[in-house]
Amino acid sequence: MKVLVTVKRVVDPYVKVRVKADGSGVETANVKMTMNPFCEIAVEQAVRMKEAGIVTEIVAVSIGVQQCQETLRTAMAMGADRGILVETAEEVQPLAVAKVLKAVVAKEQPRLVIMGKQAIDDDSNQSGQMLAALLGWPQATFISNIEIAGDNAEITREIDGGLEKLTVKLPAVATADLRLNEPRYVTLPNIMKAKKKPLEIVKPDALGVDVAPRLKTLKVQEPPKRSAGVKVNDVADLVNKLKNEARVV
């Protein structure tokens, strides 16, 4: 079974994010970049399934600038067999991501697509659902466990009320939640091996997809700084402040 797994290059989650001076977006120049944490979980799951003998090939796909090759090499060092970079300098929004992935799926014919449930930069949480809709495939979002049983996938997913168990027919799209697994550390020997693995670079035009943004960002600004707290004398004073100053009760 072939699995296609998506990876996105984002600002390292441990880096303090700074807004550009002109308010047009987040500063990425000279900022440490890394693979989206939820995408790491998706890659790890695909690798574990291959180690269990369920998956025969893992194809990692990324969409973005040339530097995304580094992210794909990391995925291959984790265990992906090869990579595909859909190279573009455009800001690729969720619908465009889904359209590009649909074209890649048509070319590669995987039985399962595993994606991170969301990216930590835009937090859209849309691409997986949109891809499933465009393909007409079953989808399982926020998965915390997956087992393949013949032509079906037995999935446990996280919902507000607890856990939900689903059976979806393959081919399908699944998006990984935080508790699906803990990604492995990439070792130096595997990093060296990843350099020799095939990495294909294509343009969106070659896939017949227009990735031009449909939405325009008007302004990006930091959240307001939190004001200092105050001490209250008793419960009556607290209720009075909540009611008359904060106006929340």
C-alpha atoms as a PDB file:
ATOM      1  CA  MET A   1       0.000   0.000   0.000  1.00  0.00           C
ATOM      2  CA  LYS A   2       1.320   3.424  -0.952  1.00  0.00           C
ATOM      3  CA  VAL A   3       0.857   6.297   1.488  1.00  0.00           C
ATOM      4  CA  LEU A   4       1.159   9.969   0.634  1.00  0.00           C
ATOM      5  CA  VAL A   5       2.082  12.203   3.553  1.00  0.00           C
ATOM      6  CA  THR A   6       2.162  15.998   3.470  1.00  0.00           C
ATOM      7  CA  VAL A   7       4.735  18.217   5.185  1.00  0.00           C
ATOM      8  CA  LYS A   8       4.790  21.987   5.609  1.00  0.00           C
ATOM      9  CA  ARG A   9       7.708  24.310   6.378  1.00  0.00           C
ATOM     10  CA  VAL A  10       6.813  26.678   9.228  1.00  0.00           C
ATOM     11  CA  VAL A  11       8.516  28.961  11.742  1.00  0.00           C
ATOM     12  CA  ASP A  12      10.022  26.896  14.565  1.00  0.00           C
ATOM     13  CA  PRO A  13       7.439  26.729  17.386  1.00  0.00           C
ATOM     14  CA  TYR A  14      10.134  27.670  19.949  1.00  0.00           C
ATOM     15  CA  VAL A  15      11.016  30.909  18.133  1.00  0.00           C
ATOM     16  CA  LYS A  16       9.372  34.151  19.228  1.00  0.00           C
ATOM     17  CA  VAL A  17       7.218  35.248  16.302  1.00  0.00           C
ATOM     18  CA  ARG A  18       7.630  38.868  15.182  1.00  0.00           C
ATOM     19  CA  VAL A  19       5.278  40.850  12.972  1.00  0.00           C
ATOM     20  CA  LYS A  20       6.798  42.726  10.025  1.00  0.00           C
ATOM     21  CA  ALA A  21       7.147  46.476  10.459  1.00  0.00           C
ATOM     22  CA  ASP A  22       4.645  47.149   7.663  1.00  0.00           C
ATOM     23  CA  GLY A  23       2.076  44.760   9.175  1.00  0.00           C
ATOM     24  CA  SER A  24       1.955  42.653   6.014  1.00  0.00           C
ATOM     25  CA  GLY A  25       2.726  39.368   7.752  1.00  0.00           C
ATOM     26  CA  VAL A  26       5.073  37.486  10.070  1.00  0.00           C
ATOM     27  CA  GLU A  27       8.827  37.973   9.797  1.00  0.00           C
ATOM     28  CA  THR A  28      10.494  34.887   8.300  1.00  0.00           C
ATOM     29  CA  ALA A  29      13.847  36.331   7.155  1.00  0.00           C
ATOM     30  CA  ASN A  30      16.744  34.886   9.183  1.00  0.00           C
ATOM     31  CA  VAL A  31      14.253  32.947  11.315  1.00  0.00           C
ATOM     32  CA  LYS A  32      14.700  29.252  12.120  1.00  0.00           C
ATOM     33  CA  MET A  33      12.232  27.125  10.148  1.00  0.00           C
ATOM     34  CA  THR A  34      11.167  23.551  10.761  1.00  0.00           C
ATOM     35  CA  MET A  35       8.584  20.936   9.823  1.00  0.00           C
ATOM     36  CA  ASN A  36       5.084  21.593  11.122  1.00  0.00           C
ATOM     37  CA  PRO A  37       4.731  19.477  14.320  1.00  0.00           C
ATOM     38  CA  PHE A  38       1.478  17.846  13.185  1.00  0.00           C
ATOM     39  CA  CYS A  39       3.135  16.941   9.869  1.00  0.00           C
ATOM     40  CA  GLU A  40       5.941  15.256  11.842  1.00  0.00           C
ATOM     41  CA  ILE A  41       3.295  13.126  13.550  1.00  0.00           C
ATOM     42  CA  ALA A  42       1.808  12.230  10.145  1.00  0.00           C
ATOM     43  CA  VAL A  43       5.225  11.173   8.800  1.00  0.00           C
ATOM     44  CA  GLU A  44       5.934   9.145  11.938  1.00  0.00           C
ATOM     45  CA  GLN A  45       2.630   7.297  11.570  1.00  0.00           C
ATOM     46  CA  ALA A  46       3.360   6.420   7.943  1.00  0.00           C
ATOM     47  CA  VAL A  47       6.838   5.166   8.897  1.00  0.00           C
ATOM     48  CA  ARG A  48       5.452   3.030  11.726  1.00  0.00           C
ATOM     49  CA  MET A  49       2.932   1.502   9.334  1.00  0.00           C
ATOM     50  CA  LYS A  50       5.743   0.695   6.920  1.00  0.00           C
ATOM     51  CA  GLU A  51       7.807  -0.873   9.698  1.00  0.00           C
ATOM     52  CA  ALA A  52       4.772  -3.029  10.549  1.00  0.00           C
ATOM     53  CA  GLY A  53       4.663  -4.282   6.950  1.00  0.00           C
ATOM     54  CA  ILE A  54       1.373  -2.554   6.119  1.00  0.00           C
ATOM     55  CA  VAL A  55       2.801   0.172   3.878  1.00  0.00           C
ATOM     56  CA  THR A  56       5.163  -0.481   0.986  1.00  0.00           C
ATOM     57  CA  GLU A  57       6.037   3.094  -0.040  1.00  0.00           C
ATOM     58  CA  ILE A  58       5.864   6.521   1.589  1.00  0.00           C
ATOM     59  CA  VAL A  59       5.810   9.616  -0.601  1.00  0.00           C
ATOM     60  CA  ALA A  60       6.325  12.966   1.164  1.00  0.00           C
ATOM     61  CA  VAL A  61       4.876  16.070  -0.494  1.00  0.00           C
ATOM     62  CA  SER A  62       5.495  19.734   0.262  1.00  0.00           C
ATOM     63  CA  ILE A  63       4.255  22.926  -1.381  1.00  0.00           C
ATOM     64  CA  GLY A  64       6.227  26.149  -1.209  1.00  0.00           C
ATOM     65  CA  VAL A  65       9.603  27.765  -1.803  1.00  0.00           C
ATOM     66  CA  GLN A  66      12.856  26.028  -2.717  1.00  0.00           C
ATOM     67  CA  GLN A  67      13.881  25.767   0.940  1.00  0.00           C
ATOM     68  CA  CYS A  68      11.048  23.269   1.469  1.00  0.00           C
ATOM     69  CA  GLN A  69      13.494  20.703   0.087  1.00  0.00           C
ATOM     70  CA  GLU A  70      15.114  20.726   3.548  1.00  0.00           C
ATOM     71  CA  THR A  71      11.767  19.820   5.112  1.00  0.00           C
ATOM     72  CA  LEU A  72      11.319  16.982   2.640  1.00  0.00           C
ATOM     73  CA  ARG A  73      14.832  15.710   3.377  1.00  0.00           C
ATOM     74  CA  THR A  74      13.895  15.616   7.056  1.00  0.00           C
ATOM     75  CA  ALA A  75      10.802  13.564   6.209  1.00  0.00           C
ATOM     76  CA  MET A  76      12.977  11.188   4.179  1.00  0.00           C
ATOM     77  CA  ALA A  77      15.459  10.963   7.057  1.00  0.00           C
ATOM     78  CA  MET A  78      12.539   9.913   9.258  1.00  0.00           C
ATOM     79  CA  GLY A  79      11.711   7.129   6.800  1.00  0.00           C
ATOM     80  CA  ALA A  80       9.869   8.462   3.732  1.00  0.00           C
ATOM     81  CA  ASP A  81      11.065   6.819   0.510  1.00  0.00           C
ATOM     82  CA  ARG A  82      10.983   9.848  -1.772  1.00  0.00           C
ATOM     83  CA  GLY A  83       9.810  13.428  -1.920  1.00  0.00           C
ATOM     84  CA  ILE A  84       7.872  15.730  -4.216  1.00  0.00           C
ATOM     85  CA  LEU A  85       8.182  19.512  -3.979  1.00  0.00           C
ATOM     86  CA  VAL A  86       5.541  21.599  -5.716  1.00  0.00           C
ATOM     87  CA  GLU A  87       7.639  24.736  -5.916  1.00  0.00           C
ATOM     88  CA  THR A  88       6.000  28.160  -5.818  1.00  0.00           C
ATOM     89  CA  ALA A  89       6.761  31.541  -4.281  1.00  0.00           C
ATOM     90  CA  GLU A  90       3.046  32.341  -3.913  1.00  0.00           C
ATOM     91  CA  GLU A  91       1.271  32.303  -0.567  1.00  0.00           C
ATOM     92  CA  VAL A  92      -0.508  28.958  -0.904  1.00  0.00           C
ATOM     93  CA  GLN A  93      -3.888  29.026   0.828  1.00  0.00           C
ATOM     94  CA  PRO A  94      -5.825  25.911   1.959  1.00  0.00           C
ATOM     95  CA  LEU A  95      -7.979  25.527  -1.168  1.00  0.00           C
ATOM     96  CA  ALA A  96      -4.934  25.805  -3.422  1.00  0.00           C
ATOM     97  CA  VAL A  97      -3.145  23.232  -1.240  1.00  0.00           C
ATOM     98  CA  ALA A  98      -6.072  20.845  -1.653  1.00  0.00           C
ATOM     99  CA  LYS A  99      -6.143  21.341  -5.439  1.00  0.00           C
ATOM    100  CA  VAL A 100      -2.396  20.717  -5.744  1.00  0.00           C
ATOM    101  CA  LEU A 101      -2.624  17.607  -3.584  1.00  0.00           C
ATOM    102  CA  LYS A 102      -5.549  16.338  -5.642  1.00  0.00           C
ATOM    103  CA  ALA A 103      -3.345  16.544  -8.744  1.00  0.00           C
ATOM    104  CA  VAL A 104      -0.493  14.758  -6.944  1.00  0.00           C
ATOM    105  CA  VAL A 105      -2.882  12.041  -5.732  1.00  0.00           C
ATOM    106  CA  ALA A 106      -4.120  11.536  -9.297  1.00  0.00           C
ATOM    107  CA  LYS A 107      -0.508  11.035 -10.371  1.00  0.00           C
ATOM    108  CA  GLU A 108       0.692   8.851  -7.489  1.00  0.00           C
ATOM    109  CA  GLN A 109      -2.505   6.857  -6.769  1.00  0.00           C
ATOM    110  CA  PRO A 110      -1.959   6.316  -3.010  1.00  0.00           C
ATOM    111  CA  ARG A 111      -4.380   4.279  -0.905  1.00  0.00           C
ATOM    112  CA  LEU A 112      -4.097   6.642   2.042  1.00  0.00           C
ATOM    113  CA  VAL A 113      -3.225  10.311   2.509  1.00  0.00           C
ATOM    114  CA  ILE A 114      -2.048  11.310   5.998  1.00  0.00           C
ATOM    115  CA  MET A 115      -1.835  15.004   6.833  1.00  0.00           C
ATOM    116  CA  GLY A 116      -1.305  17.043   9.957  1.00  0.00           C
ATOM    117  CA  LYS A 117      -4.645  18.264  11.288  1.00  0.00           C
ATOM    118  CA  GLN A 118      -3.456  21.872  10.952  1.00  0.00           C
ATOM    119  CA  ALA A 119      -0.367  24.013  10.468  1.00  0.00           C
ATOM    120  CA  ILE A 120       0.850  26.076  13.393  1.00  0.00           C
ATOM    121  CA  ASP A 121       1.406  29.184  11.260  1.00  0.00           C
ATOM    122  CA  ASP A 122      -2.095  29.851   9.904  1.00  0.00           C
ATOM    123  CA  ASP A 123      -4.070  27.338  12.037  1.00  0.00           C
ATOM    124  CA  SER A 124      -6.574  26.960   9.187  1.00  0.00           C
ATOM    125  CA  ASN A 125      -7.415  23.266   9.709  1.00  0.00           C
ATOM    126  CA  GLN A 126      -8.999  23.120   6.243  1.00  0.00           C
ATOM    127  CA  SER A 127      -6.730  21.438   3.687  1.00  0.00           C
ATOM    128  CA  GLY A 128      -7.426  17.837   4.708  1.00  0.00           C
ATOM    129  CA  GLN A 129     -11.181  18.293   4.624  1.00  0.00           C
ATOM    130  CA  MET A 130     -11.028  20.154   1.316  1.00  0.00           C
ATOM    131  CA  LEU A 131      -8.824  17.468  -0.252  1.00  0.00           C
ATOM    132  CA  ALA A 132     -11.237  14.713   0.772  1.00  0.00           C
ATOM    133  CA  ALA A 133     -14.138  16.690  -0.694  1.00  0.00           C
ATOM    134  CA  LEU A 134     -12.338  17.289  -4.005  1.00  0.00           C
ATOM    135  CA  LEU A 135     -11.347  13.605  -4.266  1.00  0.00           C
ATOM    136  CA  GLY A 136     -14.727  12.312  -3.107  1.00  0.00           C
ATOM    137  CA  TRP A 137     -12.899  10.136  -0.561  1.00  0.00           C
ATOM    138  CA  PRO A 138     -13.889   9.305   3.022  1.00  0.00           C
ATOM    139  CA  GLN A 139     -12.124  11.399   5.637  1.00  0.00           C
ATOM    140  CA  ALA A 140     -11.169  10.976   9.287  1.00  0.00           C
ATOM    141  CA  THR A 141      -9.920  14.079  11.082  1.00  0.00           C
ATOM    142  CA  PHE A 142      -8.109  14.475  14.427  1.00  0.00           C
ATOM    143  CA  ILE A 143      -7.145  10.808  14.536  1.00  0.00           C
ATOM    144  CA  SER A 144      -5.434   9.385  17.640  1.00  0.00           C
ATOM    145  CA  ASN A 145      -5.174   5.799  16.343  1.00  0.00           C
ATOM    146  CA  ILE A 146      -5.393   4.014  12.987  1.00  0.00           C
ATOM    147  CA  GLU A 147      -5.342   0.331  12.064  1.00  0.00           C
ATOM    148  CA  ILE A 148      -5.639  -1.059   8.558  1.00  0.00           C
ATOM    149  CA  ALA A 149      -7.981  -4.027   8.130  1.00  0.00           C
ATOM    150  CA  GLY A 150      -8.172  -5.118   4.502  1.00  0.00           C
ATOM    151  CA  ASP A 151      -9.858  -2.393   2.456  1.00  0.00           C
ATOM    152  CA  ASN A 152     -10.870  -0.467   5.575  1.00  0.00           C
ATOM    153  CA  ALA A 153      -9.168   1.699   8.166  1.00  0.00           C
ATOM    154  CA  GLU A 154     -10.287   1.393  11.774  1.00  0.00           C
ATOM    155  CA  ILE A 155      -9.825   4.855  13.261  1.00  0.00           C
ATOM    156  CA  THR A 156     -10.157   6.461  16.674  1.00  0.00           C
ATOM    157  CA  ARG A 157     -10.585  10.210  16.568  1.00  0.00           C
ATOM    158  CA  GLU A 158     -10.734  12.892  19.213  1.00  0.00           C
ATOM    159  CA  ILE A 159     -13.934  14.883  19.609  1.00  0.00           C
ATOM    160  CA  ASP A 160     -15.183  17.360  22.220  1.00  0.00           C
ATOM    161  CA  GLY A 161     -17.077  14.650  24.075  1.00  0.00           C
ATOM    162  CA  GLY A 162     -14.220  12.135  24.167  1.00  0.00           C
ATOM    163  CA  LEU A 163     -13.259   9.535  21.547  1.00  0.00           C
ATOM    164  CA  GLU A 164     -15.133   8.391  18.446  1.00  0.00           C
ATOM    165  CA  LYS A 165     -14.450   5.172  16.528  1.00  0.00           C
ATOM    166  CA  LEU A 166     -14.915   5.067  12.766  1.00  0.00           C
ATOM    167  CA  THR A 167     -14.488   2.563   9.973  1.00  0.00           C
ATOM    168  CA  VAL A 168     -13.598   4.247   6.681  1.00  0.00           C
ATOM    169  CA  LYS A 169     -13.163   2.573   3.322  1.00  0.00           C
ATOM    170  CA  LEU A 170      -9.848   3.049   1.546  1.00  0.00           C
ATOM    171  CA  PRO A 171      -8.700   5.130  -0.250  1.00  0.00           C
ATOM    172  CA  ALA A 172      -9.178   7.826   2.374  1.00  0.00           C
ATOM    173  CA  VAL A 173      -7.768  11.024   3.852  1.00  0.00           C
ATOM    174  CA  ALA A 174      -6.737  11.156   7.523  1.00  0.00           C
ATOM    175  CA  THR A 175      -5.447  14.092   9.563  1.00  0.00           C
ATOM    176  CA  ALA A 176      -3.187  13.459  12.564  1.00  0.00           C
ATOM    177  CA  ASP A 177      -3.847  14.784  16.048  1.00  0.00           C
ATOM    178  CA  LEU A 178      -1.280  15.329  18.789  1.00  0.00           C
ATOM    179  CA  ARG A 179      -1.834  12.021  20.597  1.00  0.00           C
ATOM    180  CA  LEU A 180      -1.444   9.790  17.537  1.00  0.00           C
ATOM    181  CA  ASN A 181       2.254   9.204  18.320  1.00  0.00           C
ATOM    182  CA  GLU A 182       5.522  10.822  19.346  1.00  0.00           C
ATOM    183  CA  PRO A 183       7.831  11.477  16.353  1.00  0.00           C
ATOM    184  CA  ARG A 184      11.309   9.958  16.456  1.00  0.00           C
ATOM    185  CA  TYR A 185      14.547  11.923  16.507  1.00  0.00           C
ATOM    186  CA  VAL A 186      16.344  11.990  13.182  1.00  0.00           C
ATOM    187  CA  THR A 187      19.781  10.358  13.373  1.00  0.00           C
ATOM    188  CA  LEU A 188      22.845  11.522  11.459  1.00  0.00           C
ATOM    189  CA  PRO A 189      23.188   8.285   9.406  1.00  0.00           C
ATOM    190  CA  ASN A 190      19.568   8.644   8.274  1.00  0.00           C
ATOM    191  CA  ILE A 191      20.156  12.301   7.375  1.00  0.00           C
ATOM    192  CA  MET A 192      23.049  11.215   5.148  1.00  0.00           C
ATOM    193  CA  LYS A 193      20.941   8.462   3.559  1.00  0.00           C
ATOM    194  CA  ALA A 194      18.122  10.942   2.900  1.00  0.00           C
ATOM    195  CA  LYS A 195      20.434  13.002   0.679  1.00  0.00           C
ATOM    196  CA  LYS A 196      20.512  10.129  -1.804  1.00  0.00           C
ATOM    197  CA  LYS A 197      16.763   9.564  -1.909  1.00  0.00           C
ATOM    198  CA  PRO A 198      14.899  10.906  -4.984  1.00  0.00           C
ATOM    199  CA  LEU A 199      13.291  14.329  -4.729  1.00  0.00           C
ATOM    200  CA  GLU A 200      11.131  15.510  -7.629  1.00  0.00           C
ATOM    201  CA  ILE A 201      10.455  19.216  -8.170  1.00  0.00           C
ATOM    202  CA  VAL A 202       7.406  20.300 -10.157  1.00  0.00           C
ATOM    203  CA  LYS A 203       5.594  23.583 -10.708  1.00  0.00           C
ATOM    204  CA  PRO A 204       1.873  24.092 -10.035  1.00  0.00           C
ATOM    205  CA  ASP A 205       1.379  24.896 -13.738  1.00  0.00           C
ATOM    206  CA  ALA A 206       2.677  21.441 -14.648  1.00  0.00           C
ATOM    207  CA  LEU A 207      -0.095  20.000 -12.482  1.00  0.00           C
ATOM    208  CA  GLY A 208      -2.694  22.285 -14.053  1.00  0.00           C
ATOM    209  CA  VAL A 209      -3.366  24.145 -10.798  1.00  0.00           C
ATOM    210  CA  ASP A 210      -3.666  27.892 -10.208  1.00  0.00           C
ATOM    211  CA  VAL A 211      -2.340  28.667  -6.709  1.00  0.00           C
ATOM    212  CA  ALA A 212      -2.931  32.432  -6.809  1.00  0.00           C
ATOM    213  CA  PRO A 213      -4.362  33.600  -3.445  1.00  0.00           C
ATOM    214  CA  ARG A 214      -8.144  34.092  -3.303  1.00  0.00           C
ATOM    215  CA  LEU A 215      -7.993  35.910   0.038  1.00  0.00           C
ATOM    216  CA  LYS A 216      -6.077  39.094   0.821  1.00  0.00           C
ATOM    217  CA  THR A 217      -4.421  39.794   4.155  1.00  0.00           C
ATOM    218  CA  LEU A 218      -5.237  43.376   5.097  1.00  0.00           C
ATOM    219  CA  LYS A 219      -3.106  43.668   8.229  1.00  0.00           C
ATOM    220  CA  VAL A 220      -1.269  41.530  10.751  1.00  0.00           C
ATOM    221  CA  GLN A 221      -0.732  42.817  14.280  1.00  0.00           C
ATOM    222  CA  GLU A 222       0.363  41.418  17.615  1.00  0.00           C
ATOM    223  CA  PRO A 223      -2.294  40.766  20.263  1.00  0.00           C
ATOM    224  CA  PRO A 224      -2.652  43.566  22.849  1.00  0.00           C
ATOM    225  CA  LYS A 225      -0.388  43.248  25.858  1.00  0.00           C
ATOM    226  CA  ARG A 226      -2.057  41.851  28.924  1.00  0.00           C
ATOM    227  CA  SER A 227      -2.645  44.384  31.667  1.00  0.00           C
ATOM    228  CA  ALA A 228      -1.475  43.722  35.229  1.00  0.00           C
ATOM    229  CA  GLY A 229      -3.863  42.035  37.644  1.00  0.00           C
ATOM    230  CA  VAL A 230      -5.233  43.599  40.822  1.00  0.00           C
ATOM    231  CA  LYS A 231      -5.826  42.257  44.306  1.00  0.00           C
ATOM    232  CA  VAL A 232      -9.304  42.311  45.805  1.00  0.00           C
ATOM    233  CA  ASN A 233     -10.236  42.473  49.485  1.00  0.00           C
ATOM    234  CA  ASP A 234     -13.063  39.945  49.486  1.00  0.00           C
ATOM    235  CA  VAL A 235     -15.606  38.105  47.339  1.00  0.00           C
ATOM    236  CA  ALA A 236     -17.989  41.054  47.304  1.00  0.00           C
ATOM    237  CA  ASP A 237     -15.221  43.294  45.931  1.00  0.00           C
ATOM    238  CA  LEU A 238     -14.396  40.665  43.272  1.00  0.00           C
ATOM    239  CA  VAL A 239     -18.028  40.398  42.163  1.00  0.00           C
ATOM    240  CA  ASN A 240     -18.308  44.180  42.057  1.00  0.00           C
ATOM    241  CA  LYS A 241     -15.252  44.511  39.791  1.00  0.00           C
ATOM    242  CA  LEU A 242     -16.385  41.670  37.512  1.00  0.00           C
ATOM    243  CA  LYS A 243     -19.802  43.250  37.201  1.00  0.00           C
ATOM    244  CA  ASN A 244     -19.018  46.960  36.942  1.00  0.00           C
ATOM    245  CA  GLU A 245     -15.453  47.119  35.561  1.00  0.00           C
ATOM    246  CA  ALA A 246     -14.887  43.941  33.539  1.00  0.00           C
ATOM    247  CA  ARG A 247     -18.618  43.615  32.742  1.00  0.00           C
ATOM    248  CA  VAL A 248     -18.447  39.854  32.436  1.00  0.00           C
ATOM    249  CA  VAL A 249     -21.209  38.980  34.913  1.00  0.00           C
END
